[in-house]
């Protein structure tokens, strides 16, 4: 029974293997038929396996960088020399004896104000600033001697003195620093003024006094002014000097109808005058004569052009 069973197992295996081979042959035959239809060539052989690539060689190790040499040590700094000892301070000198106090001087007259010389004591006069003959002054000692320098002045008494000291020596104050106007021989005036488009002013001229050969000039000029009053313009022109004298010319210029030249009579009063004054405003007198305007032009800001002259003037109080 056991042998039979083994036989049956062996037979079953044989039959199974036979059937499997039969199926494989049928399949192979069908595949060959298909390939014979599409291509008459023989079967292509199987492609061989690609060879394995060789391993890359290892890169050589980089050489080590050499060590940097050591920096030499810095030399030691030398020791500083010792500072010398300061010299001994000298002994202070003995203080000198205090001098004896001088005797007190005699008091002069008190500095109270005065108006007249007789308000001061003996050998004193009432001294006042130049040009202020009628103002308050202070008592001052009368000079005992003066130099011979010639610097003529007109005293408040109306007389001429060769210099201020000589006037004070006579107990007289100085009115102004020229020969007195009463001794004026003649005077004259010329003046021209022009202002350009950028406002630059040009002025020339002045007032000249002739005291019989002694000439004084007022050459400090000012911008003339004009004030309209209907058909009239009130014009003013001022001339200054370094001798304490000022001359102010005033006249009424006829605007309508306008004409040139225009001539004016300068008097001691009225609208057309040439007043002679000190720098402090005290009136000395007037210059009289003719004044002629030859050029006259007014712009928005005042005069643009003015030219006038007085060739011969006299003094009047």
Protein backbone atom coordinates (compact mmCIF):
# COMPACT_ATOMS: atom_id res chain seq x y z
CA UNK A 1 0.00 0.00 0.00
CA UNK A 2 2.78 2.28 0.79
CA UNK A 3 4.46 1.54 -2.53
CA UNK A 4 1.28 2.25 -4.36
CA UNK A 5 0.92 5.59 -2.70
CA UNK A 6 4.46 6.57 -3.67
CA UNK A 7 3.83 5.46 -7.18
CA UNK A 8 0.73 7.55 -7.46
CA UNK A 9 2.52 10.63 -6.18
CA UNK A 10 5.36 10.10 -8.64
CA UNK A 11 2.86 9.60 -11.50
CA UNK A 12 0.99 12.78 -10.57
CA UNK A 13 4.20 14.75 -10.60
CA UNK A 14 5.22 13.35 -13.95
CA UNK A 15 1.90 14.14 -15.53
CA UNK A 16 2.01 17.68 -14.17
CA UNK A 17 5.49 18.27 -15.55
CA UNK A 18 4.49 16.84 -18.95
CA UNK A 19 1.49 19.11 -19.19
CA UNK A 20 3.59 22.13 -18.26
CA UNK A 21 6.17 21.42 -20.97
CA UNK A 22 3.42 20.97 -23.56
CA UNK A 23 1.96 24.39 -22.73
CA UNK A 24 5.39 26.05 -22.94
CA UNK A 25 6.07 24.58 -26.38
CA UNK A 26 2.76 25.83 -27.72
CA UNK A 27 3.51 29.31 -26.42
CA UNK A 28 7.02 29.31 -27.92
CA UNK A 29 5.64 28.24 -31.29
CA UNK A 30 3.17 31.14 -31.31
CA UNK A 31 5.85 33.62 -30.52
CA UNK A 32 8.06 32.32 -33.35
CA UNK A 33 5.20 32.62 -35.80
CA UNK A 34 4.63 36.25 -34.86
CA UNK A 35 8.30 37.11 -35.26
CA UNK A 36 8.53 35.36 -38.65
CA UNK A 37 5.70 37.52 -39.95
CA UNK A 38 7.20 40.85 -38.82
CA UNK A 39 10.89 40.23 -39.46
CA UNK A 40 12.68 37.49 -41.42
CA UNK A 41 16.00 38.06 -39.54
CA UNK A 42 17.18 35.80 -36.80
CA UNK A 43 16.49 36.40 -33.19
CA UNK A 44 18.55 39.25 -31.64
CA UNK A 45 20.89 38.07 -28.93
CA UNK A 46 20.47 39.35 -25.40
CA UNK A 47 22.57 42.48 -24.55
CA UNK A 48 25.40 41.70 -22.19
CA UNK A 49 25.51 43.31 -18.77
CA UNK A 50 27.44 46.61 -18.57
CA UNK A 51 30.80 46.37 -16.83
CA UNK A 52 31.11 47.97 -13.46
CA UNK A 53 32.88 51.37 -13.44
CA UNK A 54 36.22 51.41 -11.68
CA UNK A 55 36.42 53.24 -8.39
CA UNK A 56 37.89 56.80 -8.53
CA UNK A 57 41.33 57.13 -7.01
CA UNK A 58 41.56 58.90 -3.71
CA UNK A 59 42.86 62.53 -3.87
CA UNK A 60 46.16 63.12 -2.20
CA UNK A 61 46.08 64.97 1.10
CA UNK A 62 47.05 68.73 0.95
CA UNK A 63 50.37 69.58 2.50
CA UNK A 64 50.29 71.31 5.84
CA UNK A 65 50.98 75.11 5.84
CA UNK A 66 54.20 75.98 7.57
CA UNK A 67 53.96 77.74 10.92
CA UNK A 68 54.42 81.58 10.99
CA UNK A 69 57.64 82.61 12.61
CA UNK A 70 57.36 84.23 16.02
CA UNK A 71 57.63 88.08 16.19
CA UNK A 72 60.65 89.31 18.07
CA UNK A 73 60.06 90.89 21.43
CA UNK A 74 59.94 94.71 21.63
CA UNK A 75 62.94 96.23 23.31
CA UNK A 76 62.42 97.71 26.74
CA UNK A 77 61.96 101.53 26.93
CA UNK A 78 64.73 103.33 28.70
CA UNK A 79 63.96 104.83 32.05
CA UNK A 80 63.19 108.61 32.11
CA UNK A 81 65.80 110.79 33.72
CA UNK A 82 65.00 112.20 37.08
CA UNK A 83 63.64 115.80 37.17
CA UNK A 84 66.00 118.28 38.76
CA UNK A 85 65.02 119.82 42.02
CA UNK A 86 63.38 123.29 41.86
CA UNK A 87 65.49 126.14 43.13
CA UNK A 88 64.56 127.71 46.38
CA UNK A 89 62.38 130.83 46.12
CA UNK A 90 64.22 133.99 47.11
CA UNK A 91 63.15 135.82 50.17
CA UNK A 92 60.74 138.72 49.63
CA UNK A 93 62.27 142.18 49.93
CA UNK A 94 61.31 144.32 52.80
CA UNK A 95 58.44 146.72 52.12
CA UNK A 96 59.45 150.31 51.77
CA UNK A 97 58.24 152.82 54.25
CA UNK A 98 54.96 154.50 53.37
CA UNK A 99 55.48 158.01 52.03
CA UNK A 100 54.08 160.95 53.82
CA UNK A 101 50.70 162.11 52.63
CA UNK A 102 50.92 165.31 50.61
CA UNK A 103 49.20 168.41 51.75
CA UNK A 104 45.70 168.84 50.45
CA UNK A 105 45.51 171.41 47.65
CA UNK A 106 43.39 174.44 47.94
CA UNK A 107 39.91 173.91 46.63
CA UNK A 108 39.00 175.87 43.52
CA UNK A 109 35.65 177.44 42.98
CA UNK A 110 32.80 174.95 43.17
CA UNK A 111 31.67 173.32 39.94
CA UNK A 112 28.25 174.90 40.13
CA UNK A 113 26.87 176.21 36.86
CA UNK A 114 27.26 179.81 35.76
CA UNK A 115 26.05 182.11 33.01
CA UNK A 116 28.22 185.19 33.51
CA UNK A 117 31.86 185.76 34.42
CA UNK A 118 31.01 187.78 37.50
CA UNK A 119 29.42 184.68 38.99
CA UNK A 120 32.91 183.17 39.34
CA UNK A 121 35.71 184.12 41.69
CA UNK A 122 38.86 186.11 41.00
CA UNK A 123 41.06 184.69 38.21
CA UNK A 124 38.13 182.54 36.98
CA UNK A 125 35.63 182.94 34.13
CA UNK A 126 32.44 181.18 33.08
CA UNK A 127 33.67 178.68 30.45
CA UNK A 128 31.15 177.26 27.95
CA UNK A 129 31.32 174.76 25.05
CA UNK A 130 32.18 176.25 21.65
CA UNK A 131 29.12 177.70 19.93
CA UNK A 132 26.96 177.82 23.06
CA UNK A 133 27.53 181.41 24.08
CA UNK A 134 24.21 181.78 25.91
CA UNK A 135 24.13 178.37 27.62
CA UNK A 136 25.17 177.44 31.12
CA UNK A 137 28.90 176.96 31.78
CA UNK A 138 31.25 176.22 34.63
CA UNK A 139 33.79 178.42 36.36
CA UNK A 140 37.29 177.74 35.04
CA UNK A 141 40.68 179.29 35.68
CA UNK A 142 41.74 181.98 33.24
CA UNK A 143 44.86 180.89 31.28
CA UNK A 144 47.97 182.87 32.28
CA UNK A 145 49.88 182.23 29.05
CA UNK A 146 49.12 180.87 25.55
CA UNK A 147 51.12 179.68 22.59
CA UNK A 148 51.47 181.61 19.35
CA UNK A 149 49.74 179.02 17.13
CA UNK A 150 47.48 180.71 14.58
CA UNK A 151 44.05 179.10 14.63
CA UNK A 152 41.62 182.01 14.30
CA UNK A 153 38.32 181.88 16.13
CA UNK A 154 35.42 184.24 16.52
CA UNK A 155 34.64 184.97 20.17
CA UNK A 156 31.21 185.22 21.68
CA UNK A 157 31.88 188.95 21.94
CA UNK A 158 32.05 189.16 18.09
CA UNK A 159 35.80 189.74 17.95
CA UNK A 160 38.58 187.71 16.30
CA UNK A 161 41.27 185.87 18.28
CA UNK A 162 44.35 184.09 16.95
CA UNK A 163 43.51 180.90 18.86
CA UNK A 164 41.02 179.66 21.49
CA UNK A 165 43.45 180.06 24.40
CA UNK A 166 43.88 183.75 23.73
CA UNK A 167 40.09 184.16 23.71
CA UNK A 168 39.83 182.38 27.08
CA UNK A 169 42.67 184.54 28.37
CA UNK A 170 40.35 187.47 27.85
CA UNK A 171 37.54 185.58 29.64
CA UNK A 172 35.81 185.08 26.28
CA UNK A 173 34.32 181.82 24.97
CA UNK A 174 34.59 180.65 21.36
CA UNK A 175 31.57 181.14 19.10
CA UNK A 176 32.93 179.36 16.01
CA UNK A 177 36.33 178.48 14.60
CA UNK A 178 36.79 180.91 11.73
CA UNK A 179 37.31 184.60 11.38
CA UNK A 180 34.14 186.39 12.41
CA UNK A 181 31.57 186.54 9.62
CA UNK A 182 31.32 190.32 9.99
CA UNK A 183 34.74 190.44 8.34
CA UNK A 184 33.64 188.35 5.34
CA UNK A 185 34.66 189.92 2.07
CA UNK A 186 32.66 187.64 -0.21
CA UNK A 187 31.24 184.12 -0.45
CA UNK A 188 30.14 181.81 -3.26
CA UNK A 189 28.31 178.50 -3.72
CA UNK A 190 28.28 175.83 -6.44
CA UNK A 191 26.43 172.53 -6.27
CA UNK A 192 25.59 169.64 -8.58
CA UNK A 193 23.74 166.46 -7.70
CA UNK A 194 22.96 163.39 -9.81
CA UNK A 195 21.56 159.95 -9.01
CA UNK A 196 21.80 157.15 -11.57
CA UNK A 197 19.41 154.28 -12.24
CA UNK A 198 20.83 152.05 -9.48
CA UNK A 199 20.69 154.77 -6.83
CA UNK A 200 24.34 155.86 -6.84
CA UNK A 201 24.67 159.53 -5.88
CA UNK A 202 27.27 161.97 -7.20
CA UNK A 203 27.68 165.36 -5.51
CA UNK A 204 30.13 168.15 -6.19
CA UNK A 205 30.63 171.70 -5.01
CA UNK A 206 30.55 173.57 -1.70
CA UNK A 207 30.49 177.00 -0.07
CA UNK A 208 33.61 179.18 -0.08
CA UNK A 209 34.27 182.04 2.35
CA UNK A 210 36.87 184.69 1.53
CA UNK A 211 38.04 186.72 4.54
CA UNK A 212 40.28 189.05 2.59
CA UNK A 213 42.62 186.30 1.51
CA UNK A 214 41.86 183.77 4.27
CA UNK A 215 39.79 181.08 2.56
CA UNK A 216 37.46 178.66 4.35
CA UNK A 217 35.37 176.03 2.59
CA UNK A 218 32.33 173.96 3.53
CA UNK A 219 32.76 170.78 1.49
CA UNK A 220 30.65 168.24 3.38
CA UNK A 221 27.58 167.82 1.19
CA UNK A 222 24.19 166.27 1.87
CA UNK A 223 21.46 164.91 -0.39
CA UNK A 224 19.08 167.76 -1.26
CA UNK A 225 15.41 167.40 -0.38
CA UNK A 226 12.21 168.61 -2.04
CA UNK A 227 8.69 168.84 -0.60
CA UNK A 228 5.88 169.50 -3.06
CA UNK A 229 3.24 172.06 -2.14
CA UNK A 230 0.90 172.53 -5.07
CA UNK A 231 2.72 174.30 -7.89
CA UNK A 232 5.69 174.97 -5.56
CA UNK A 233 8.48 172.68 -4.31
CA UNK A 234 10.26 173.62 -1.06
CA UNK A 235 13.91 172.75 -1.70
CA UNK A 236 16.64 172.43 0.98
CA UNK A 237 20.39 171.91 0.51
CA UNK A 238 22.84 171.76 3.47
CA UNK A 239 26.61 172.45 3.45
CA UNK A 240 28.83 171.56 6.45
CA UNK A 241 32.47 172.17 7.31
CA UNK A 242 35.04 171.18 9.92
CA UNK A 243 35.12 174.65 11.46
CA UNK A 244 31.79 174.52 13.29
CA UNK A 245 29.78 176.34 10.59
CA UNK A 246 26.82 175.12 8.54
CA UNK A 247 24.94 176.91 5.75
CA UNK A 248 21.36 175.88 4.93
CA UNK A 249 19.98 177.01 1.56
CA UNK A 250 16.20 177.06 1.19
CA UNK A 251 14.15 178.24 -1.80
CA UNK A 252 10.74 177.68 -3.41
CA UNK A 253 11.07 176.19 -6.88
CA UNK A 254 8.17 176.80 -9.29
CA UNK A 255 6.97 173.42 -10.58
CA UNK A 256 4.07 174.70 -12.71
CA UNK A 257 4.63 176.13 -15.17
CA UNK A 258 8.04 174.44 -15.23
CA UNK A 259 10.96 176.43 -16.60
CA UNK A 260 14.75 176.60 -16.38
CA UNK A 261 16.75 178.45 -15.31
CA UNK A 262 15.07 179.93 -12.26
CA UNK A 263 16.73 182.67 -10.15
CA UNK A 264 15.95 183.50 -6.52
CA UNK A 265 16.82 186.46 -4.28
CA UNK A 266 18.28 185.19 -0.99
CA UNK A 267 17.17 187.38 1.90
CA UNK A 268 17.47 187.39 5.71
CA UNK A 269 13.86 186.18 6.02
CA UNK A 270 11.10 184.71 3.90
CA UNK A 271 11.06 181.55 1.73
CA UNK A 272 14.43 182.01 0.01
CA UNK A 273 17.31 182.11 2.52
CA UNK A 274 20.86 180.92 3.17
CA UNK A 275 21.13 180.67 6.95
CA UNK A 276 24.61 180.51 8.54
CA UNK A 277 24.58 178.47 11.76
CA UNK A 278 26.91 176.82 14.24
CA UNK A 279 26.98 173.04 14.48
CA UNK A 280 24.84 173.40 17.60
CA UNK A 281 22.12 175.21 15.64
CA UNK A 282 22.80 178.77 16.81
CA UNK A 283 22.12 181.27 14.04
CA UNK A 284 25.10 183.48 13.12
CA UNK A 285 23.48 185.37 10.26
CA UNK A 286 22.55 185.01 6.58
CA UNK A 287 24.18 185.01 3.17
CA UNK A 288 22.38 187.30 0.73
CA UNK A 289 22.52 187.51 -3.05
CA UNK A 290 21.31 185.59 -6.11
CA UNK A 291 20.81 181.83 -6.42
CA UNK A 292 20.21 180.31 -9.89
CA UNK A 293 18.93 176.78 -10.59
CA UNK A 294 20.03 175.48 -14.02
CA UNK A 295 19.03 171.77 -13.76
CA UNK A 296 16.14 170.25 -11.86
CA UNK A 297 14.58 166.78 -12.06
CA UNK A 298 12.56 164.83 -9.51
CA UNK A 299 12.02 161.07 -9.53
CA UNK A 300 9.96 158.69 -7.41
CA UNK A 301 12.48 158.69 -4.55
CA UNK A 302 13.41 162.37 -4.69
CA UNK A 303 15.96 164.33 -6.66
CA UNK A 304 17.50 162.75 -9.74
CA UNK A 305 19.25 165.90 -10.93
CA UNK A 306 19.93 169.32 -9.42
CA UNK A 307 22.42 172.01 -10.39
CA UNK A 308 22.60 175.50 -8.86
CA UNK A 309 25.06 178.26 -8.06
CA UNK A 310 25.50 181.59 -6.28
CA UNK A 311 28.60 183.36 -7.63
CA UNK A 312 28.60 186.29 -5.19
CA UNK A 313 27.14 186.39 -1.70
CA UNK A 314 27.42 188.78 1.23
CA UNK A 315 26.93 188.33 4.97
CA UNK A 316 24.09 190.01 6.89
CA UNK A 317 22.96 189.57 10.48
